[in-house]
Amino acid sequence: MLTAVEELEVHVLVDNATDSLSSAPPYAESEFAYLRRSGMEVLSGTRLCGAHHGLSCLITARRGNTSRTVLFDAGPEADAFERNARRLQVDLGAVESIVLSHGHWDHGGGMLRALEMIGHARPGAKIPYYAHPGMFRSRARATPDGTMQPMEDVPGIERLTEHGAEVINTTEPSTFLDDVFYVSGEIPRVSAFERGLPFHYQRSADDLRWEPDPLIVDERYLAVQLAEKGLVIFTACSHAGVINVLEDARARFPQTRLHALVGGLHLSGPTESLIAPTVEALRGFELTTIAAGHCTGWRAMTALSNAFGDAVLAPLAVGKRFAF
């Protein structure tokens, strides 16, 4: 069971896109508007965030006078995370737990710097860090000529521990922070068309060779229950397939409607053929909000816009703040 909360704030610290000029729904605040409200007197590039291929969200859930804050991923590299967090003036000292969605560089590359900044704000603090054993394997993508392009590894348990993390390394789902947050276990693959990422590889257990790894089973999603609205699902890349993610959330919480979907849907590149069936299947969940970004891709964003319109689609952008 999840403890329902009254308010949920999501601040996008890292995303592929920057967009403060487009109009936004009442529950979303652009980077420009947020910075003006926070005291920015002169609009300048030296005050703004930088877009980067990756994702990081600072998530704060409020119930009565109690707030709980989680960092969901940390973007691709240290400087991007630090620059954006400082320019947005977010309170990293409020972070009580960290969830790394899966073991890819564009989500874990800034993690050590994030831990350093949290530690600077709260010296000596040990931060629970939710991980999956599979995310520490080296990864690569197969190129068209058949060679392997290795990916940068995410920080391992030893380095995370040195930087103040208390690593909870498990395949099992769990609730945490007074049952306000739920991090999934491995996501069952039940849809007829979501079959993973075909060019994705990982190192074998003996570290002697590359082996196919299309399912990326270390990926998990995060969920929060909003009172009187329903579940907000955070899916960083949806390598499991966003329909599989939502089906698992619905199965885990059958008495709670799904309210919002936030994150990357990975309907770009070799998975663009899944755009049409994914958009059609999304209709069945009757989501109030789809806040898509990162690896979703412009073709999928166009299809989502055509299918759901401004009433539902609210694209992510770096610096954007959502108040559900």
Protein backbone atom coordinates (compact mmCIF):
# COMPACT_ATOMS: atom_id res chain seq x y z
CA MET A 1 0.00 0.00 0.00
CA LEU A 2 1.07 3.54 -0.73
CA THR A 3 0.42 6.51 1.52
CA ALA A 4 -1.47 9.08 -0.53
CA VAL A 5 -0.04 12.59 -0.65
CA GLU A 6 -1.76 15.92 -1.19
CA GLU A 7 0.81 17.61 -3.43
CA LEU A 8 3.58 16.48 -5.75
CA GLU A 9 6.25 18.80 -7.15
CA VAL A 10 8.54 17.64 -9.95
CA HIS A 11 11.47 19.83 -10.96
CA VAL A 12 13.26 18.77 -14.15
CA LEU A 13 16.98 19.20 -13.50
CA VAL A 14 18.18 17.55 -16.73
CA ASP A 15 16.37 16.88 -20.00
CA ASN A 16 17.19 16.82 -23.72
CA ALA A 17 15.14 19.94 -24.43
CA THR A 18 14.92 23.52 -23.26
CA ASP A 19 11.64 25.33 -23.94
CA SER A 20 10.43 28.34 -21.98
CA LEU A 21 8.53 30.03 -24.80
CA SER A 22 5.78 27.51 -25.44
CA SER A 23 2.59 27.90 -23.43
CA ALA A 24 2.08 25.41 -20.61
CA PRO A 25 -0.89 24.10 -18.59
CA PRO A 26 -1.64 25.69 -15.20
CA TYR A 27 0.18 22.94 -13.29
CA ALA A 28 3.46 23.43 -15.20
CA GLU A 29 5.85 26.37 -14.81
CA SER A 30 8.50 27.14 -17.42
CA GLU A 31 12.15 27.69 -16.55
CA PHE A 32 11.91 31.42 -17.37
CA ALA A 33 8.84 31.88 -15.17
CA TYR A 34 10.36 29.90 -12.32
CA LEU A 35 13.62 31.84 -12.40
CA ARG A 36 11.80 35.19 -12.51
CA ARG A 37 9.75 34.14 -9.50
CA SER A 38 12.97 33.08 -7.78
CA GLY A 39 14.55 36.49 -8.17
CA MET A 40 16.22 36.58 -11.61
CA GLU A 41 16.34 40.28 -12.55
CA VAL A 42 18.07 40.04 -15.94
CA LEU A 43 17.34 37.31 -18.50
CA SER A 44 20.74 35.94 -19.43
CA GLY A 45 22.34 32.75 -20.66
CA THR A 46 24.47 32.78 -17.53
CA ARG A 47 21.35 32.18 -15.45
CA LEU A 48 19.70 29.48 -17.53
CA CYS A 49 19.95 25.70 -17.49
CA GLY A 50 21.56 23.71 -20.27
CA ALA A 51 19.81 20.88 -22.08
CA HIS A 52 21.71 17.59 -22.32
CA HIS A 53 20.92 14.07 -23.46
CA GLY A 54 19.68 12.57 -20.21
CA LEU A 55 17.17 12.92 -17.41
CA SER A 56 17.07 13.96 -13.78
CA CYS A 57 14.02 14.89 -11.71
CA LEU A 58 13.80 16.23 -8.18
CA ILE A 59 10.52 14.93 -6.77
CA THR A 60 8.92 16.28 -3.58
CA ALA A 61 5.74 14.78 -2.13
CA ARG A 62 3.81 16.67 0.56
CA ARG A 63 1.26 15.44 3.05
CA GLY A 64 0.14 17.86 5.72
CA ASN A 65 3.26 19.51 7.12
CA THR A 66 5.52 16.65 5.99
CA SER A 67 7.63 16.70 2.81
CA ARG A 68 9.56 13.79 1.30
CA THR A 69 12.10 14.34 -1.47
CA VAL A 70 13.68 11.88 -3.90
CA LEU A 71 16.24 12.40 -6.64
CA PHE A 72 15.26 10.29 -9.66
CA ASP A 73 18.38 9.91 -11.83
CA ALA A 74 21.17 12.49 -12.18
CA GLY A 75 21.65 13.09 -15.88
CA PRO A 76 24.66 12.28 -18.06
CA GLU A 77 27.56 14.08 -16.40
CA ALA A 78 28.60 16.01 -13.33
CA ASP A 79 28.84 19.53 -14.75
CA ALA A 80 25.38 19.45 -16.34
CA PHE A 81 23.79 18.31 -13.09
CA GLU A 82 25.66 20.82 -10.92
CA ARG A 83 25.13 23.79 -13.25
CA ASN A 84 21.40 23.22 -13.54
CA ALA A 85 20.86 22.47 -9.86
CA ARG A 86 22.73 25.62 -8.85
CA ARG A 87 20.99 27.87 -11.37
CA LEU A 88 17.60 26.57 -10.29
CA GLN A 89 18.67 27.00 -6.65
CA VAL A 90 17.06 23.71 -5.68
CA ASP A 91 17.56 22.42 -2.15
CA LEU A 92 19.56 19.22 -2.56
CA GLY A 93 19.86 19.04 1.21
CA ALA A 94 16.22 17.96 1.22
CA VAL A 95 17.00 14.77 -0.74
CA GLU A 96 16.30 11.76 1.49
CA SER A 97 16.67 8.96 -1.07
CA ILE A 98 17.96 8.42 -4.60
CA VAL A 99 16.61 6.08 -7.27
CA LEU A 100 18.68 5.26 -10.34
CA SER A 101 16.20 4.04 -12.93
CA HIS A 102 18.65 1.85 -14.87
CA GLY A 103 22.34 1.45 -15.60
CA HIS A 104 22.88 3.90 -18.46
CA TRP A 105 25.33 6.79 -18.48
CA ASP A 106 22.72 9.41 -19.42
CA HIS A 107 20.94 8.75 -16.12
CA GLY A 108 23.82 7.91 -13.79
CA GLY A 109 26.74 9.95 -15.12
CA GLY A 110 26.09 12.87 -12.76
CA MET A 111 25.40 10.74 -9.71
CA LEU A 112 28.67 11.15 -7.81
CA ARG A 113 28.48 14.93 -8.13
CA ALA A 114 24.88 14.80 -6.94
CA LEU A 115 25.95 12.84 -3.87
CA GLU A 116 28.75 15.33 -3.24
CA MET A 117 26.33 18.23 -3.39
CA ILE A 118 23.86 16.48 -1.08
CA GLY A 119 26.74 15.71 1.30
CA HIS A 120 27.86 19.34 1.26
CA ALA A 121 24.35 20.42 2.25
CA ARG A 122 24.05 17.67 4.90
CA PRO A 123 27.54 16.67 6.05
CA GLY A 124 27.80 13.03 7.09
CA ALA A 125 24.37 12.05 5.79
CA LYS A 126 23.95 8.53 4.41
CA ILE A 127 21.54 8.56 1.49
CA PRO A 128 19.56 5.38 0.69
CA TYR A 129 20.25 4.61 -2.97
CA TYR A 130 17.95 2.17 -4.75
CA ALA A 131 19.77 0.06 -7.34
CA HIS A 132 19.39 -3.19 -9.27
CA PRO A 133 22.33 -5.63 -9.55
CA GLY A 134 22.11 -5.67 -13.34
CA MET A 135 22.79 -1.97 -13.72
CA PHE A 136 26.44 -2.37 -12.78
CA ARG A 137 27.26 -4.50 -15.85
CA SER A 138 29.10 -2.73 -18.69
CA ARG A 139 26.87 -1.89 -21.66
CA ALA A 140 27.36 -1.21 -25.37
CA ARG A 141 25.38 -0.53 -28.51
CA ALA A 142 25.97 -2.41 -31.75
CA THR A 143 26.77 -0.06 -34.63
CA PRO A 144 25.64 -0.65 -38.24
CA ASP A 145 29.10 -1.97 -39.19
CA GLY A 146 28.88 -4.66 -36.48
CA THR A 147 31.35 -3.15 -34.02
CA MET A 148 30.48 -2.38 -30.41
CA GLN A 149 30.33 1.16 -29.06
CA PRO A 150 30.87 0.82 -25.30
CA MET A 151 28.90 3.03 -22.95
CA GLU A 152 30.39 4.70 -19.92
CA ASP A 153 29.67 2.61 -16.81
CA VAL A 154 27.49 4.04 -14.08
CA PRO A 155 29.26 4.44 -10.71
CA GLY A 156 29.73 1.16 -8.87
CA ILE A 157 28.73 0.33 -5.31
CA GLU A 158 32.16 1.08 -3.84
CA ARG A 159 32.36 4.59 -5.30
CA LEU A 160 28.74 5.32 -4.44
CA THR A 161 29.39 4.27 -0.84
CA GLU A 162 32.49 6.47 -0.67
CA HIS A 163 30.33 9.40 -1.72
CA GLY A 164 27.72 8.87 0.99
CA ALA A 165 25.27 6.44 -0.60
CA GLU A 166 23.76 3.54 1.32
CA VAL A 167 23.17 1.20 -1.61
CA ILE A 168 20.07 -0.99 -1.54
CA ASN A 169 20.89 -3.40 -4.34
CA THR A 170 17.90 -5.62 -5.08
CA THR A 171 15.61 -6.92 -7.81
CA GLU A 172 12.56 -6.65 -5.54
CA PRO A 173 10.04 -3.81 -5.42
CA SER A 174 9.71 -1.75 -2.28
CA THR A 175 8.04 1.27 -0.72
CA PHE A 176 10.10 3.82 1.18
CA LEU A 177 9.97 7.15 2.99
CA ASP A 178 6.87 6.29 5.01
CA ASP A 179 5.39 4.37 2.06
CA VAL A 180 5.09 7.56 0.03
CA PHE A 181 7.26 6.26 -2.83
CA TYR A 182 7.18 2.91 -4.62
CA VAL A 183 10.08 1.64 -6.71
CA SER A 184 9.18 -1.30 -8.90
CA GLY A 185 10.95 -4.58 -9.31
CA GLU A 186 11.72 -6.02 -12.73
CA ILE A 187 8.94 -5.06 -15.13
CA PRO A 188 7.03 -8.00 -16.68
CA ARG A 189 6.90 -7.98 -20.48
CA VAL A 190 3.26 -8.57 -21.34
CA SER A 191 2.44 -6.37 -24.34
CA ALA A 192 2.39 -7.96 -27.78
CA PHE A 193 4.72 -5.48 -29.43
CA GLU A 194 7.26 -4.19 -26.87
CA ARG A 195 10.30 -6.43 -27.23
CA GLY A 196 13.16 -4.28 -26.02
CA LEU A 197 16.08 -2.48 -27.63
CA PRO A 198 17.56 -4.66 -30.40
CA PHE A 199 21.07 -3.16 -30.59
CA HIS A 200 21.70 -3.20 -26.83
CA TYR A 201 24.46 -5.44 -25.38
CA GLN A 202 26.10 -6.07 -22.03
CA ARG A 203 29.27 -7.75 -20.84
CA SER A 204 28.93 -11.41 -19.96
CA ALA A 205 29.12 -12.42 -16.30
CA ASP A 206 32.72 -13.60 -16.82
CA ASP A 207 33.53 -10.31 -18.59
CA LEU A 208 34.93 -12.12 -21.65
CA ARG A 209 32.46 -11.08 -24.34
CA TRP A 210 29.50 -8.93 -25.29
CA GLU A 211 26.09 -10.60 -25.17
CA PRO A 212 22.67 -9.39 -26.37
CA ASP A 213 20.70 -7.53 -23.72
CA PRO A 214 17.58 -6.17 -25.43
CA LEU A 215 15.35 -6.36 -22.34
CA ILE A 216 17.47 -4.21 -19.98
CA VAL A 217 15.80 -5.88 -17.01
CA ASP A 218 17.47 -3.58 -14.46
CA GLU A 219 15.10 -0.74 -15.41
CA ARG A 220 12.47 0.18 -12.80
CA TYR A 221 9.81 2.85 -12.47
CA LEU A 222 8.84 5.05 -9.53
CA ALA A 223 5.26 5.70 -8.39
CA VAL A 224 3.54 8.16 -6.05
CA GLN A 225 -0.18 8.23 -5.18
CA LEU A 226 -1.93 11.60 -5.26
CA ALA A 227 -5.02 11.78 -3.08
CA GLU A 228 -8.24 11.98 -5.11
CA LYS A 229 -6.30 11.83 -8.40
CA GLY A 230 -4.35 8.59 -8.63
CA LEU A 231 -0.87 7.34 -9.41
CA VAL A 232 1.90 9.40 -10.95
CA ILE A 233 4.33 7.07 -12.74
CA PHE A 234 7.94 8.09 -13.38
CA THR A 235 9.59 6.10 -16.15
CA ALA A 236 13.01 7.35 -17.16
CA CYS A 237 13.43 5.60 -20.52
CA SER A 238 10.70 2.95 -20.79
CA HIS A 239 13.13 0.38 -22.19
CA ALA A 240 10.66 -2.19 -20.88
CA GLY A 241 8.01 -0.51 -23.02
CA VAL A 242 5.77 2.17 -21.56
CA ILE A 243 2.69 -0.04 -21.95
CA ASN A 244 4.42 -2.77 -19.94
CA VAL A 245 5.27 -0.14 -17.31
CA LEU A 246 1.67 1.04 -17.05
CA GLU A 247 0.27 -2.50 -17.09
CA ASP A 248 2.52 -3.42 -14.16
CA ALA A 249 1.52 -0.30 -12.24
CA ARG A 250 -2.16 -1.09 -12.82
CA ALA A 251 -1.64 -4.69 -11.70
CA ARG A 252 0.25 -3.63 -8.57
CA PHE A 253 -2.32 -1.01 -7.58
CA PRO A 254 -5.61 -2.32 -9.02
CA GLN A 255 -7.82 -0.05 -6.89
CA THR A 256 -6.03 3.17 -7.93
CA ARG A 257 -6.46 4.91 -11.26
CA LEU A 258 -3.40 6.06 -13.20
CA HIS A 259 -3.24 9.85 -13.24
CA ALA A 260 0.02 10.94 -14.88
CA LEU A 261 3.00 9.55 -16.76
CA VAL A 262 6.33 11.40 -16.48
CA GLY A 263 9.57 10.61 -18.31
CA GLY A 264 11.11 9.19 -21.46
CA LEU A 265 9.16 6.79 -23.65
CA HIS A 266 12.04 5.73 -25.95
CA LEU A 267 10.06 5.79 -29.17
CA SER A 268 12.98 7.11 -31.21
CA GLY A 269 15.56 5.43 -33.43
CA PRO A 270 15.03 1.67 -33.82
CA THR A 271 11.79 1.79 -31.80
CA GLU A 272 9.98 4.36 -33.95
CA SER A 273 7.95 1.53 -35.46
CA LEU A 274 6.25 1.20 -32.05
CA ILE A 275 4.85 4.73 -32.05
CA ALA A 276 1.45 3.89 -33.54
CA PRO A 277 0.63 0.84 -31.38
CA THR A 278 1.96 2.60 -28.27
CA VAL A 279 -0.18 5.69 -28.80
CA GLU A 280 -3.23 3.53 -29.43
CA ALA A 281 -2.59 1.41 -26.32
CA LEU A 282 -2.08 4.54 -24.18
CA ARG A 283 -5.70 5.50 -24.81
CA GLY A 284 -6.82 2.59 -22.64
CA PHE A 285 -5.19 4.05 -19.51
CA GLU A 286 -7.14 7.34 -19.65
CA LEU A 287 -4.20 9.35 -18.31
CA THR A 288 -4.85 12.93 -17.28
CA THR A 289 -1.27 13.99 -18.06
CA ILE A 290 1.52 12.64 -20.25
CA ALA A 291 4.69 14.60 -19.43
CA ALA A 292 6.98 13.00 -22.00
CA GLY A 293 10.56 13.98 -22.76
CA HIS A 294 14.17 12.82 -22.90
CA CYS A 295 14.33 9.86 -25.35
CA THR A 296 10.71 10.03 -26.55
CA GLY A 297 11.68 11.57 -29.91
CA TRP A 298 9.97 14.24 -32.00
CA ARG A 299 8.00 11.80 -34.14
CA ALA A 300 6.44 10.24 -31.06
CA MET A 301 5.80 13.66 -29.53
CA THR A 302 3.98 14.67 -32.71
CA ALA A 303 1.88 11.50 -32.61
CA LEU A 304 1.07 12.05 -28.92
CA SER A 305 0.09 15.64 -29.63
CA ASN A 306 -2.17 14.59 -32.48
CA ALA A 307 -3.79 11.88 -30.36
CA PHE A 308 -4.17 13.63 -27.00
CA GLY A 309 -3.69 17.35 -27.59
CA ASP A 310 -2.76 20.04 -25.09
CA ALA A 311 -5.29 18.77 -22.60
CA VAL A 312 -3.08 15.75 -21.84
CA LEU A 313 0.39 16.19 -23.38
CA ALA A 314 2.75 18.44 -21.37
CA PRO A 315 6.32 17.87 -22.68
CA LEU A 316 9.27 17.88 -20.33
CA ALA A 317 11.94 20.57 -20.61
CA VAL A 318 14.95 21.36 -18.46
CA GLY A 319 14.09 23.70 -15.59
CA LYS A 320 10.37 23.10 -15.93
CA ARG A 321 8.42 22.59 -12.71
CA PHE A 322 5.26 20.51 -12.43
CA ALA A 323 2.89 20.88 -9.47
CA PHE A 324 0.38 18.04 -9.46
